[in-house]
Amino acid sequence: MSSKQAKRICQIIKLKPEAEAEYKAIHAKVWPGVLAALERAHICDYSIHYYPPLHLLIATMKYTGDDYEADMQRIADDPETQRWWEVTDGMQSSFHEGATGSLGVVPWWTTLEEVFRLD
């Protein structure tokens, strides 16, 4: 997206209350291979916020590439990312009925609609 604005993405998922400490600990030291896969897929400015009263994880990121679907598939095909998801998916609960994890057919995280932006 060299001449276009970056695509902004916001997603939400539930964190299992008993996994809060472990989730925060693993994200304090994200595996280098996972970070590299995100960078190769043109993901930047990525953050995850936690809202304890409702046990919500809210992720925001920017996508700067030209083929979002292909880049997301590259992340999903990355073996290190798959191992990461095996650990983190068990700490989360999807809002989507029938979701089985990050590699499932049904989306794991819920993408939120942007209703306002001030650049």
PDB file of N, CA and C in Angstrom:
ATOM      1  N   MET A   1       0.838  -1.185   0.000  1.00  0.00           N
ATOM      2  CA  MET A   1       0.000   0.000   0.000  1.00  0.00           C
ATOM      3  C   MET A   1       0.875   1.237   0.000  1.00  0.00           C
ATOM      4  N   SER A   2       1.813   1.291  -0.835  1.00  0.00           N
ATOM      5  CA  SER A   2       2.782   2.377  -0.814  1.00  0.00           C
ATOM      6  C   SER A   2       2.139   3.743  -0.989  1.00  0.00           C
ATOM      7  N   SER A   3       1.201   3.880  -1.922  1.00  0.00           N
ATOM      8  CA  SER A   3       0.587   5.185  -2.134  1.00  0.00           C
ATOM      9  C   SER A   3      -0.737   5.315  -1.381  1.00  0.00           C
ATOM     10  N   LYS A   4      -1.201   4.232  -0.779  1.00  0.00           N
ATOM     11  CA  LYS A   4      -2.449   4.255  -0.039  1.00  0.00           C
ATOM     12  C   LYS A   4      -2.170   4.324   1.463  1.00  0.00           C
ATOM     13  N   GLN A   5      -3.215   4.625   2.191  1.00  0.00           N
ATOM     14  CA  GLN A   5      -3.134   4.606   3.639  1.00  0.00           C
ATOM     15  C   GLN A   5      -3.093   3.156   4.118  1.00  0.00           C
ATOM     16  N   ALA A   6      -2.424   2.912   5.223  1.00  0.00           N
ATOM     17  CA  ALA A   6      -2.401   1.575   5.800  1.00  0.00           C
ATOM     18  C   ALA A   6      -3.813   1.168   6.216  1.00  0.00           C
ATOM     19  N   LYS A   7      -4.083  -0.116   6.079  1.00  0.00           N
ATOM     20  CA  LYS A   7      -5.358  -0.671   6.535  1.00  0.00           C
ATOM     21  C   LYS A   7      -5.254  -0.877   8.048  1.00  0.00           C
ATOM     22  N   ARG A   8      -6.215  -0.360   8.774  1.00  0.00           N
ATOM     23  CA  ARG A   8      -6.228  -0.544  10.221  1.00  0.00           C
ATOM     24  C   ARG A   8      -7.193  -1.668  10.567  1.00  0.00           C
ATOM     25  N   ILE A   9      -6.785  -2.474  11.528  1.00  0.00           N
ATOM     26  CA  ILE A   9      -7.589  -3.618  11.927  1.00  0.00           C
ATOM     27  C   ILE A   9      -7.738  -3.574  13.444  1.00  0.00           C
ATOM     28  N   CYS A  10      -8.938  -3.843  13.920  1.00  0.00           N
ATOM     29  CA  CYS A  10      -9.204  -3.959  15.349  1.00  0.00           C
ATOM     30  C   CYS A  10      -9.972  -5.259  15.554  1.00  0.00           C
ATOM     31  N   GLN A  11      -9.499  -6.066  16.503  1.00  0.00           N
ATOM     32  CA  GLN A  11     -10.127  -7.350  16.770  1.00  0.00           C
ATOM     33  C   GLN A  11     -10.342  -7.527  18.265  1.00  0.00           C
ATOM     34  N   ILE A  12     -11.279  -8.403  18.612  1.00  0.00           N
ATOM     35  CA  ILE A  12     -11.608  -8.646  20.008  1.00  0.00           C
ATOM     36  C   ILE A  12     -11.826 -10.139  20.233  1.00  0.00           C
ATOM     37  N   ILE A  13     -11.487 -10.588  21.437  1.00  0.00           N
ATOM     38  CA  ILE A  13     -11.712 -11.975  21.851  1.00  0.00           C
ATOM     39  C   ILE A  13     -11.772 -11.982  23.370  1.00  0.00           C
ATOM     40  N   LYS A  14     -12.325 -13.033  23.941  1.00  0.00           N
ATOM     41  CA  LYS A  14     -12.386 -13.163  25.398  1.00  0.00           C
ATOM     42  C   LYS A  14     -11.137 -13.887  25.898  1.00  0.00           C
ATOM     43  N   LEU A  15     -10.616 -13.442  27.023  1.00  0.00           N
ATOM     44  CA  LEU A  15      -9.515 -14.117  27.699  1.00  0.00           C
ATOM     45  C   LEU A  15     -10.100 -14.909  28.860  1.00  0.00           C
ATOM     46  N   LYS A  16      -9.737 -16.176  28.967  1.00  0.00           N
ATOM     47  CA  LYS A  16     -10.197 -16.967  30.100  1.00  0.00           C
ATOM     48  C   LYS A  16      -9.580 -16.368  31.362  1.00  0.00           C
ATOM     49  N   PRO A  17     -10.407 -16.056  32.362  1.00  0.00           N
ATOM     50  CA  PRO A  17      -9.902 -15.368  33.566  1.00  0.00           C
ATOM     51  C   PRO A  17      -8.710 -16.075  34.210  1.00  0.00           C
ATOM     52  N   GLU A  18      -8.726 -17.382  34.224  1.00  0.00           N
ATOM     53  CA  GLU A  18      -7.640 -18.125  34.858  1.00  0.00           C
ATOM     54  C   GLU A  18      -6.334 -18.062  34.065  1.00  0.00           C
ATOM     55  N   ALA A  19      -6.383 -17.556  32.837  1.00  0.00           N
ATOM     56  CA  ALA A  19      -5.191 -17.484  31.979  1.00  0.00           C
ATOM     57  C   ALA A  19      -4.559 -16.099  31.952  1.00  0.00           C
ATOM     58  N   GLU A  20      -5.097 -15.154  32.693  1.00  0.00           N
ATOM     59  CA  GLU A  20      -4.621 -13.771  32.614  1.00  0.00           C
ATOM     60  C   GLU A  20      -3.115 -13.653  32.851  1.00  0.00           C
ATOM     61  N   ALA A  21      -2.607 -14.209  33.931  1.00  0.00           N
ATOM     62  CA  ALA A  21      -1.180 -14.075  34.255  1.00  0.00           C
ATOM     63  C   ALA A  21      -0.306 -14.730  33.192  1.00  0.00           C
ATOM     64  N   GLU A  22      -0.685 -15.926  32.753  1.00  0.00           N
ATOM     65  CA  GLU A  22       0.110 -16.634  31.736  1.00  0.00           C
ATOM     66  C   GLU A  22       0.090 -15.884  30.408  1.00  0.00           C
ATOM     67  N   TYR A  23      -1.068 -15.357  30.030  1.00  0.00           N
ATOM     68  CA  TYR A  23      -1.186 -14.625  28.768  1.00  0.00           C
ATOM     69  C   TYR A  23      -0.294 -13.382  28.775  1.00  0.00           C
ATOM     70  N   LYS A  24      -0.326 -12.648  29.880  1.00  0.00           N
ATOM     71  CA  LYS A  24       0.513 -11.459  29.984  1.00  0.00           C
ATOM     72  C   LYS A  24       1.992 -11.837  29.976  1.00  0.00           C
ATOM     73  N   ALA A  25       2.349 -12.916  30.643  1.00  0.00           N
ATOM     74  CA  ALA A  25       3.751 -13.344  30.701  1.00  0.00           C
ATOM     75  C   ALA A  25       4.272 -13.744  29.328  1.00  0.00           C
ATOM     76  N   ILE A  26       3.514 -14.510  28.576  1.00  0.00           N
ATOM     77  CA  ILE A  26       3.991 -14.953  27.258  1.00  0.00           C
ATOM     78  C   ILE A  26       4.085 -13.772  26.298  1.00  0.00           C
ATOM     79  N   HIS A  27       3.188 -12.800  26.447  1.00  0.00           N
ATOM     80  CA  HIS A  27       3.239 -11.632  25.565  1.00  0.00           C
ATOM     81  C   HIS A  27       4.315 -10.624  25.969  1.00  0.00           C
ATOM     82  N   ALA A  28       4.855 -10.768  27.159  1.00  0.00           N
ATOM     83  CA  ALA A  28       5.987  -9.928  27.564  1.00  0.00           C
ATOM     84  C   ALA A  28       7.256 -10.351  26.843  1.00  0.00           C
ATOM     85  N   LYS A  29       7.260 -11.572  26.309  1.00  0.00           N
ATOM     86  CA  LYS A  29       8.415 -12.104  25.574  1.00  0.00           C
ATOM     87  C   LYS A  29       7.915 -12.896  24.364  1.00  0.00           C
ATOM     88  N   VAL A  30       7.284 -12.197  23.421  1.00  0.00           N
ATOM     89  CA  VAL A  30       6.765 -12.864  22.217  1.00  0.00           C
ATOM     90  C   VAL A  30       7.922 -13.507  21.468  1.00  0.00           C
ATOM     91  N   TRP A  31       7.705 -14.721  21.000  1.00  0.00           N
ATOM     92  CA  TRP A  31       8.742 -15.468  20.305  1.00  0.00           C
ATOM     93  C   TRP A  31       9.220 -14.707  19.076  1.00  0.00           C
ATOM     94  N   PRO A  32      10.514 -14.618  18.865  1.00  0.00           N
ATOM     95  CA  PRO A  32      11.060 -13.870  17.716  1.00  0.00           C
ATOM     96  C   PRO A  32      10.514 -14.347  16.367  1.00  0.00           C
ATOM     97  N   GLY A  33      10.302 -15.633  16.209  1.00  0.00           N
ATOM     98  CA  GLY A  33       9.767 -16.140  14.946  1.00  0.00           C
ATOM     99  C   GLY A  33       8.360 -15.643  14.656  1.00  0.00           C
ATOM    100  N   VAL A  34       7.569 -15.481  15.694  1.00  0.00           N
ATOM    101  CA  VAL A  34       6.206 -14.964  15.542  1.00  0.00           C
ATOM    102  C   VAL A  34       6.259 -13.495  15.117  1.00  0.00           C
ATOM    103  N   LEU A  35       7.124 -12.732  15.766  1.00  0.00           N
ATOM    104  CA  LEU A  35       7.285 -11.320  15.382  1.00  0.00           C
ATOM    105  C   LEU A  35       7.775 -11.191  13.943  1.00  0.00           C
ATOM    106  N   ALA A  36       8.710 -12.053  13.553  1.00  0.00           N
ATOM    107  CA  ALA A  36       9.240 -12.014  12.179  1.00  0.00           C
ATOM    108  C   ALA A  36       8.145 -12.341  11.169  1.00  0.00           C
ATOM    109  N   ALA A  37       7.280 -13.304  11.479  1.00  0.00           N
ATOM    110  CA  ALA A  37       6.184 -13.659  10.566  1.00  0.00           C
ATOM    111  C   ALA A  37       5.232 -12.479  10.391  1.00  0.00           C
ATOM    112  N   LEU A  38       4.944 -11.772  11.465  1.00  0.00           N
ATOM    113  CA  LEU A  38       4.076 -10.596  11.373  1.00  0.00           C
ATOM    114  C   LEU A  38       4.712  -9.520  10.503  1.00  0.00           C
ATOM    115  N   GLU A  39       5.988  -9.281  10.713  1.00  0.00           N
ATOM    116  CA  GLU A  39       6.686  -8.267   9.911  1.00  0.00           C
ATOM    117  C   GLU A  39       6.728  -8.651   8.433  1.00  0.00           C
ATOM    118  N   ARG A  40       6.983  -9.920   8.147  1.00  0.00           N
ATOM    119  CA  ARG A  40       6.997 -10.378   6.739  1.00  0.00           C
ATOM    120  C   ARG A  40       5.632 -10.200   6.080  1.00  0.00           C
ATOM    121  N   ALA A  41       4.590 -10.261   6.880  1.00  0.00           N
ATOM    122  CA  ALA A  41       3.223 -10.123   6.366  1.00  0.00           C
ATOM    123  C   ALA A  41       2.735  -8.672   6.400  1.00  0.00           C
ATOM    124  N   HIS A  42       3.652  -7.742   6.609  1.00  0.00           N
ATOM    125  CA  HIS A  42       3.339  -6.305   6.543  1.00  0.00           C
ATOM    126  C   HIS A  42       2.416  -5.833   7.666  1.00  0.00           C
ATOM    127  N   ILE A  43       2.523  -6.479   8.830  1.00  0.00           N
ATOM    128  CA  ILE A  43       1.781  -6.043  10.015  1.00  0.00           C
ATOM    129  C   ILE A  43       2.714  -5.184  10.860  1.00  0.00           C
ATOM    130  N   CYS A  44       2.245  -4.017  11.265  1.00  0.00           N
ATOM    131  CA  CYS A  44       3.032  -3.143  12.128  1.00  0.00           C
ATOM    132  C   CYS A  44       2.094  -2.444  13.106  1.00  0.00           C
ATOM    133  N   ASP A  45       2.677  -1.707  14.034  1.00  0.00           N
ATOM    134  CA  ASP A  45       1.908  -0.949  15.016  1.00  0.00           C
ATOM    135  C   ASP A  45       0.833  -1.835  15.651  1.00  0.00           C
ATOM    136  N   TYR A  46       1.249  -3.025  16.111  1.00  0.00           N
ATOM    137  CA  TYR A  46       0.354  -4.042  16.650  1.00  0.00           C
ATOM    138  C   TYR A  46       0.365  -3.968  18.172  1.00  0.00           C
ATOM    139  N   SER A  47      -0.795  -3.888  18.760  1.00  0.00           N
ATOM    140  CA  SER A  47      -0.884  -3.907  20.208  1.00  0.00           C
ATOM    141  C   SER A  47      -2.122  -4.684  20.629  1.00  0.00           C
ATOM    142  N   ILE A  48      -2.045  -5.254  21.825  1.00  0.00           N
ATOM    143  CA  ILE A  48      -3.183  -5.944  22.423  1.00  0.00           C
ATOM    144  C   ILE A  48      -3.424  -5.307  23.786  1.00  0.00           C
ATOM    145  N   HIS A  49      -4.656  -4.916  24.034  1.00  0.00           N
ATOM    146  CA  HIS A  49      -5.055  -4.313  25.301  1.00  0.00           C
ATOM    147  C   HIS A  49      -5.989  -5.276  26.024  1.00  0.00           C
ATOM    148  N   TYR A  50      -5.974  -5.213  27.342  1.00  0.00           N
ATOM    149  CA  TYR A  50      -6.814  -6.090  28.153  1.00  0.00           C
ATOM    150  C   TYR A  50      -7.785  -5.261  28.987  1.00  0.00           C
ATOM    151  N   TYR A  51      -9.059  -5.641  28.964  1.00  0.00           N
ATOM    152  CA  TYR A  51     -10.096  -4.996  29.766  1.00  0.00           C
ATOM    153  C   TYR A  51     -10.580  -6.010  30.812  1.00  0.00           C
ATOM    154  N   PRO A  52     -10.010  -5.960  32.010  1.00  0.00           N
ATOM    155  CA  PRO A  52     -10.278  -6.983  33.029  1.00  0.00           C
ATOM    156  C   PRO A  52     -11.742  -7.177  33.437  1.00  0.00           C
ATOM    157  N   PRO A  53     -12.567  -6.111  33.589  1.00  0.00           N
ATOM    158  CA  PRO A  53     -13.935  -6.367  34.064  1.00  0.00           C
ATOM    159  C   PRO A  53     -14.720  -7.359  33.195  1.00  0.00           C
ATOM    160  N   LEU A  54     -14.465  -7.359  31.901  1.00  0.00           N
ATOM    161  CA  LEU A  54     -15.171  -8.269  30.987  1.00  0.00           C
ATOM    162  C   LEU A  54     -14.244  -9.321  30.383  1.00  0.00           C
ATOM    163  N   HIS A  55     -12.980  -9.351  30.813  1.00  0.00           N
ATOM    164  CA  HIS A  55     -11.981 -10.312  30.314  1.00  0.00           C
ATOM    165  C   HIS A  55     -11.871 -10.243  28.792  1.00  0.00           C
ATOM    166  N   LEU A  56     -11.718  -9.030  28.273  1.00  0.00           N
ATOM    167  CA  LEU A  56     -11.632  -8.818  26.834  1.00  0.00           C
ATOM    168  C   LEU A  56     -10.208  -8.468  26.415  1.00  0.00           C
ATOM    169  N   LEU A  57      -9.779  -9.062  25.322  1.00  0.00           N
ATOM    170  CA  LEU A  57      -8.535  -8.681  24.650  1.00  0.00           C
ATOM    171  C   LEU A  57      -8.928  -7.911  23.400  1.00  0.00           C
ATOM    172  N   ILE A  58      -8.326  -6.750  23.208  1.00  0.00           N
ATOM    173  CA  ILE A  58      -8.632  -5.911  22.053  1.00  0.00           C
ATOM    174  C   ILE A  58      -7.312  -5.633  21.342  1.00  0.00           C
ATOM    175  N   ALA A  59      -7.213  -6.097  20.115  1.00  0.00           N
ATOM    176  CA  ALA A  59      -5.985  -5.962  19.334  1.00  0.00           C
ATOM    177  C   ALA A  59      -6.182  -4.918  18.241  1.00  0.00           C
ATOM    178  N   THR A  60      -5.162  -4.087  18.045  1.00  0.00           N
ATOM    179  CA  THR A  60      -5.161  -3.150  16.928  1.00  0.00           C
ATOM    180  C   THR A  60      -3.843  -3.300  16.191  1.00  0.00           C
ATOM    181  N   MET A  61      -3.896  -3.131  14.887  1.00  0.00           N
ATOM    182  CA  MET A  61      -2.700  -3.253  14.065  1.00  0.00           C
ATOM    183  C   MET A  61      -2.913  -2.506  12.757  1.00  0.00           C
ATOM    184  N   LYS A  62      -1.807  -2.304  12.059  1.00  0.00           N
ATOM    185  CA  LYS A  62      -1.859  -1.725  10.722  1.00  0.00           C
ATOM    186  C   LYS A  62      -1.299  -2.748   9.745  1.00  0.00           C
ATOM    187  N   TYR A  63      -1.926  -2.801   8.582  1.00  0.00           N
ATOM    188  CA  TYR A  63      -1.464  -3.656   7.489  1.00  0.00           C
ATOM    189  C   TYR A  63      -1.014  -2.743   6.364  1.00  0.00           C
ATOM    190  N   THR A  64       0.235  -2.914   5.912  1.00  0.00           N
ATOM    191  CA  THR A  64       0.788  -2.012   4.901  1.00  0.00           C
ATOM    192  C   THR A  64       1.088  -2.703   3.573  1.00  0.00           C
ATOM    193  N   GLY A  65       0.678  -3.956   3.428  1.00  0.00           N
ATOM    194  CA  GLY A  65       0.957  -4.695   2.196  1.00  0.00           C
ATOM    195  C   GLY A  65      -0.080  -4.449   1.121  1.00  0.00           C
ATOM    196  N   ASP A  66      -0.022  -5.274   0.078  1.00  0.00           N
ATOM    197  CA  ASP A  66      -0.923  -5.133  -1.074  1.00  0.00           C
ATOM    198  C   ASP A  66      -1.918  -6.275  -1.224  1.00  0.00           C
ATOM    199  N   ASP A  67      -1.733  -7.382  -0.486  1.00  0.00           N
ATOM    200  CA  ASP A  67      -2.622  -8.538  -0.606  1.00  0.00           C
ATOM    201  C   ASP A  67      -2.869  -9.102   0.790  1.00  0.00           C
ATOM    202  N   TYR A  68      -3.837  -8.537   1.470  1.00  0.00           N
ATOM    203  CA  TYR A  68      -4.127  -8.871   2.864  1.00  0.00           C
ATOM    204  C   TYR A  68      -4.394 -10.369   3.047  1.00  0.00           C
ATOM    205  N   GLU A  69      -5.260 -10.927   2.233  1.00  0.00           N
ATOM    206  CA  GLU A  69      -5.619 -12.341   2.385  1.00  0.00           C
ATOM    207  C   GLU A  69      -4.397 -13.243   2.231  1.00  0.00           C
ATOM    208  N   ALA A  70      -3.567 -12.982   1.234  1.00  0.00           N
ATOM    209  CA  ALA A  70      -2.365 -13.801   1.020  1.00  0.00           C
ATOM    210  C   ALA A  70      -1.390 -13.650   2.182  1.00  0.00           C
ATOM    211  N   ASP A  71      -1.227 -12.437   2.675  1.00  0.00           N
ATOM    212  CA  ASP A  71      -0.316 -12.222   3.800  1.00  0.00           C
ATOM    213  C   ASP A  71      -0.841 -12.886   5.070  1.00  0.00           C
ATOM    214  N   MET A  72      -2.148 -12.852   5.300  1.00  0.00           N
ATOM    215  CA  MET A  72      -2.713 -13.532   6.472  1.00  0.00           C
ATOM    216  C   MET A  72      -2.533 -15.046   6.351  1.00  0.00           C
ATOM    217  N   GLN A  73      -2.626 -15.557   5.125  1.00  0.00           N
ATOM    218  CA  GLN A  73      -2.405 -16.994   4.919  1.00  0.00           C
ATOM    219  C   GLN A  73      -0.948 -17.356   5.187  1.00  0.00           C
ATOM    220  N   ARG A  74      -0.030 -16.476   4.816  1.00  0.00           N
ATOM    221  CA  ARG A  74       1.393 -16.720   5.102  1.00  0.00           C
ATOM    222  C   ARG A  74       1.642 -16.806   6.609  1.00  0.00           C
ATOM    223  N   ILE A  75       0.971 -15.953   7.374  1.00  0.00           N
ATOM    224  CA  ILE A  75       1.096 -16.030   8.835  1.00  0.00           C
ATOM    225  C   ILE A  75       0.553 -17.371   9.321  1.00  0.00           C
ATOM    226  N   ALA A  76      -0.621 -17.749   8.835  1.00  0.00           N
ATOM    227  CA  ALA A  76      -1.246 -19.007   9.258  1.00  0.00           C
ATOM    228  C   ALA A  76      -0.407 -20.226   8.873  1.00  0.00           C
ATOM    229  N   ASP A  77       0.341 -20.134   7.789  1.00  0.00           N
ATOM    230  CA  ASP A  77       1.173 -21.254   7.331  1.00  0.00           C
ATOM    231  C   ASP A  77       2.516 -21.333   8.047  1.00  0.00           C
ATOM    232  N   ASP A  78       2.874 -20.310   8.805  1.00  0.00           N
ATOM    233  CA  ASP A  78       4.165 -20.260   9.485  1.00  0.00           C
ATOM    234  C   ASP A  78       4.184 -21.236  10.670  1.00  0.00           C
ATOM    235  N   PRO A  79       5.105 -22.198  10.694  1.00  0.00           N
ATOM    236  CA  PRO A  79       5.133 -23.201  11.772  1.00  0.00           C
ATOM    237  C   PRO A  79       5.303 -22.609  13.178  1.00  0.00           C
ATOM    238  N   GLU A  80       6.129 -21.588  13.315  1.00  0.00           N
ATOM    239  CA  GLU A  80       6.332 -20.971  14.634  1.00  0.00           C
ATOM    240  C   GLU A  80       5.055 -20.303  15.118  1.00  0.00           C
ATOM    241  N   THR A  81       4.338 -19.643  14.213  1.00  0.00           N
ATOM    242  CA  THR A  81       3.064 -19.010  14.565  1.00  0.00           C
ATOM    243  C   THR A  81       2.038 -20.075  14.937  1.00  0.00           C
ATOM    244  N   GLN A  82       2.035 -21.186  14.236  1.00  0.00           N
ATOM    245  CA  GLN A  82       1.105 -22.270  14.570  1.00  0.00           C
ATOM    246  C   GLN A  82       1.366 -22.787  15.983  1.00  0.00           C
ATOM    247  N   ARG A  83       2.625 -22.932  16.353  1.00  0.00           N
ATOM    248  CA  ARG A  83       2.958 -23.367  17.716  1.00  0.00           C
ATOM    249  C   ARG A  83       2.513 -22.323  18.738  1.00  0.00           C
ATOM    250  N   TRP A  84       2.714 -21.047  18.411  1.00  0.00           N
ATOM    251  CA  TRP A  84       2.274 -19.952  19.286  1.00  0.00           C
ATOM    252  C   TRP A  84       0.765 -20.034  19.509  1.00  0.00           C
ATOM    253  N   TRP A  85       0.025 -20.220  18.431  1.00  0.00           N
ATOM    254  CA  TRP A  85      -1.430 -20.306  18.532  1.00  0.00           C
ATOM    255  C   TRP A  85      -1.879 -21.519  19.346  1.00  0.00           C
ATOM    256  N   GLU A  86      -1.131 -22.608  19.264  1.00  0.00           N
ATOM    257  CA  GLU A  86      -1.465 -23.777  20.085  1.00  0.00           C
ATOM    258  C   GLU A  86      -1.436 -23.406  21.565  1.00  0.00           C
ATOM    259  N   VAL A  87      -0.534 -22.526  21.951  1.00  0.00           N
ATOM    260  CA  VAL A  87      -0.424 -22.076  23.342  1.00  0.00           C
ATOM    261  C   VAL A  87      -1.501 -21.032  23.649  1.00  0.00           C
ATOM    262  N   THR A  88      -1.609 -19.999  22.844  1.00  0.00           N
ATOM    263  CA  THR A  88      -2.482 -18.876  23.185  1.00  0.00           C
ATOM    264  C   THR A  88      -3.970 -19.163  22.951  1.00  0.00           C
ATOM    265  N   ASP A  89      -4.308 -19.979  21.957  1.00  0.00           N
ATOM    266  CA  ASP A  89      -5.726 -20.261  21.704  1.00  0.00           C
ATOM    267  C   ASP A  89      -6.399 -20.878  22.928  1.00  0.00           C
ATOM    268  N   GLY A  90      -5.680 -21.704  23.668  1.00  0.00           N
ATOM    269  CA  GLY A  90      -6.249 -22.331  24.849  1.00  0.00           C
ATOM    270  C   GLY A  90      -6.555 -21.353  25.969  1.00  0.00           C
ATOM    271  N   MET A  91      -6.014 -20.162  25.873  1.00  0.00           N
ATOM    272  CA  MET A  91      -6.245 -19.132  26.885  1.00  0.00           C
ATOM    273  C   MET A  91      -7.427 -18.235  26.523  1.00  0.00           C
ATOM    274  N   GLN A  92      -7.984 -18.428  25.342  1.00  0.00           N
ATOM    275  CA  GLN A  92      -9.001 -17.524  24.807  1.00  0.00           C
ATOM    276  C   GLN A  92     -10.309 -18.264  24.537  1.00  0.00           C
ATOM    277  N   SER A  93     -11.387 -17.488  24.430  1.00  0.00           N
ATOM    278  CA  SER A  93     -12.697 -17.988  24.022  1.00  0.00           C
ATOM    279  C   SER A  93     -13.218 -17.065  22.929  1.00  0.00           C
ATOM    280  N   SER A  94     -13.564 -17.625  21.793  1.00  0.00           N
ATOM    281  CA  SER A  94     -14.044 -16.833  20.668  1.00  0.00           C
ATOM    282  C   SER A  94     -15.492 -16.406  20.862  1.00  0.00           C
ATOM    283  N   PHE A  95     -15.857 -15.301  20.241  1.00  0.00           N
ATOM    284  CA  PHE A  95     -17.248 -14.877  20.189  1.00  0.00           C
ATOM    285  C   PHE A  95     -18.018 -15.624  19.099  1.00  0.00           C
ATOM    286  N   HIS A  96     -17.289 -16.288  18.184  1.00  0.00           N
ATOM    287  CA  HIS A  96     -17.924 -16.960  17.049  1.00  0.00           C
ATOM    288  C   HIS A  96     -18.315 -18.390  17.399  1.00  0.00           C
ATOM    289  N   GLU A  97     -19.579 -18.691  17.277  1.00  0.00           N
ATOM    290  CA  GLU A  97     -20.059 -20.047  17.523  1.00  0.00           C
ATOM    291  C   GLU A  97     -19.388 -21.012  16.541  1.00  0.00           C
ATOM    292  N   GLY A  98     -18.887 -22.097  17.051  1.00  0.00           N
ATOM    293  CA  GLY A  98     -18.243 -23.107  16.213  1.00  0.00           C
ATOM    294  C   GLY A  98     -16.769 -22.864  15.966  1.00  0.00           C
ATOM    295  N   ALA A  99     -16.221 -21.765  16.483  1.00  0.00           N
ATOM    296  CA  ALA A  99     -14.794 -21.489  16.299  1.00  0.00           C
ATOM    297  C   ALA A  99     -13.990 -22.499  17.117  1.00  0.00           C
ATOM    298  N   THR A 100     -12.915 -23.008  16.508  1.00  0.00           N
ATOM    299  CA  THR A 100     -12.104 -24.034  17.164  1.00  0.00           C
ATOM    300  C   THR A 100     -10.670 -23.586  17.412  1.00  0.00           C
ATOM    301  N   GLY A 101     -10.290 -22.427  16.932  1.00  0.00           N
ATOM    302  CA  GLY A 101      -8.935 -21.930  17.112  1.00  0.00           C
ATOM    303  C   GLY A 101      -8.513 -21.095  15.932  1.00  0.00           C
ATOM    304  N   SER A 102      -7.308 -20.573  16.017  1.00  0.00           N
ATOM    305  CA  SER A 102      -6.799 -19.662  14.985  1.00  0.00           C
ATOM    306  C   SER A 102      -6.696 -20.303  13.608  1.00  0.00           C
ATOM    307  N   LEU A 103      -6.537 -21.620  13.546  1.00  0.00           N
ATOM    308  CA  LEU A 103      -6.425 -22.290  12.247  1.00  0.00           C
ATOM    309  C   LEU A 103      -7.750 -22.874  11.764  1.00  0.00           C
ATOM    310  N   GLY A 104      -8.818 -22.657  12.506  1.00  0.00           N
ATOM    311  CA  GLY A 104     -10.113 -23.202  12.121  1.00  0.00           C
ATOM    312  C   GLY A 104     -10.753 -22.437  10.971  1.00  0.00           C
ATOM    313  N   VAL A 105     -11.833 -23.001  10.468  1.00  0.00           N
ATOM    314  CA  VAL A 105     -12.578 -22.386   9.359  1.00  0.00           C
ATOM    315  C   VAL A 105     -13.347 -21.159   9.847  1.00  0.00           C
ATOM    316  N   VAL A 106     -13.929 -21.253  11.041  1.00  0.00           N
ATOM    317  CA  VAL A 106     -14.669 -20.135  11.626  1.00  0.00           C
ATOM    318  C   VAL A 106     -13.650 -19.182  12.260  1.00  0.00           C
ATOM    319  N   PRO A 107     -13.779 -17.871  12.025  1.00  0.00           N
ATOM    320  CA  PRO A 107     -12.817 -16.919  12.602  1.00  0.00           C
ATOM    321  C   PRO A 107     -12.702 -17.073  14.114  1.00  0.00           C
ATOM    322  N   TRP A 108     -11.485 -16.947  14.627  1.00  0.00           N
ATOM    323  CA  TRP A 108     -11.215 -17.051  16.057  1.00  0.00           C
ATOM    324  C   TRP A 108     -11.419 -15.690  16.725  1.00  0.00           C
ATOM    325  N   TRP A 109     -10.671 -14.669  16.279  1.00  0.00           N
ATOM    326  CA  TRP A 109     -10.860 -13.299  16.755  1.00  0.00           C
ATOM    327  C   TRP A 109     -11.998 -12.665  15.955  1.00  0.00           C
ATOM    328  N   THR A 110     -12.711 -11.728  16.544  1.00  0.00           N
ATOM    329  CA  THR A 110     -13.770 -10.986  15.863  1.00  0.00           C
ATOM    330  C   THR A 110     -13.206  -9.648  15.405  1.00  0.00           C
ATOM    331  N   THR A 111     -13.337  -9.358  14.118  1.00  0.00           N
ATOM    332  CA  THR A 111     -12.891  -8.073  13.583  1.00  0.00           C
ATOM    333  C   THR A 111     -14.003  -7.052  13.798  1.00  0.00           C
ATOM    334  N   LEU A 112     -13.626  -5.903  14.340  1.00  0.00           N
ATOM    335  CA  LEU A 112     -14.594  -4.861  14.653  1.00  0.00           C
ATOM    336  C   LEU A 112     -14.658  -3.812  13.547  1.00  0.00           C
ATOM    337  N   GLU A 113     -15.828  -3.266  13.362  1.00  0.00           N
ATOM    338  CA  GLU A 113     -16.051  -2.204  12.381  1.00  0.00           C
ATOM    339  C   GLU A 113     -15.531  -0.879  12.925  1.00  0.00           C
ATOM    340  N   GLU A 114     -14.800  -0.168  12.101  1.00  0.00           N
ATOM    341  CA  GLU A 114     -14.352   1.167  12.472  1.00  0.00           C
ATOM    342  C   GLU A 114     -15.504   2.137  12.214  1.00  0.00           C
ATOM    343  N   VAL A 115     -15.855   2.922  13.226  1.00  0.00           N
ATOM    344  CA  VAL A 115     -16.941   3.892  13.070  1.00  0.00           C
ATOM    345  C   VAL A 115     -16.465   5.337  13.156  1.00  0.00           C
ATOM    346  N   PHE A 116     -15.211   5.532  13.570  1.00  0.00           N
ATOM    347  CA  PHE A 116     -14.671   6.887  13.624  1.00  0.00           C
ATOM    348  C   PHE A 116     -13.144   6.799  13.605  1.00  0.00           C
ATOM    349  N   ARG A 117     -12.537   7.779  12.953  1.00  0.00           N
ATOM    350  CA  ARG A 117     -11.084   7.900  12.948  1.00  0.00           C
ATOM    351  C   ARG A 117     -10.700   9.367  12.839  1.00  0.00           C
ATOM    352  N   LEU A 118      -9.712   9.765  13.613  1.00  0.00           N
ATOM    353  CA  LEU A 118      -9.110  11.081  13.502  1.00  0.00           C
ATOM    354  C   LEU A 118      -7.637  10.855  13.229  1.00  0.00           C
ATOM    355  N   ASP A 119      -7.192  11.199  12.050  1.00  0.00           N
ATOM    356  CA  ASP A 119      -5.765  11.047  11.688  1.00  0.00           C
ATOM    357  C   ASP A 119      -5.006  12.315  12.009  1.00  0.00           C
TER     358      ASP A 119
END
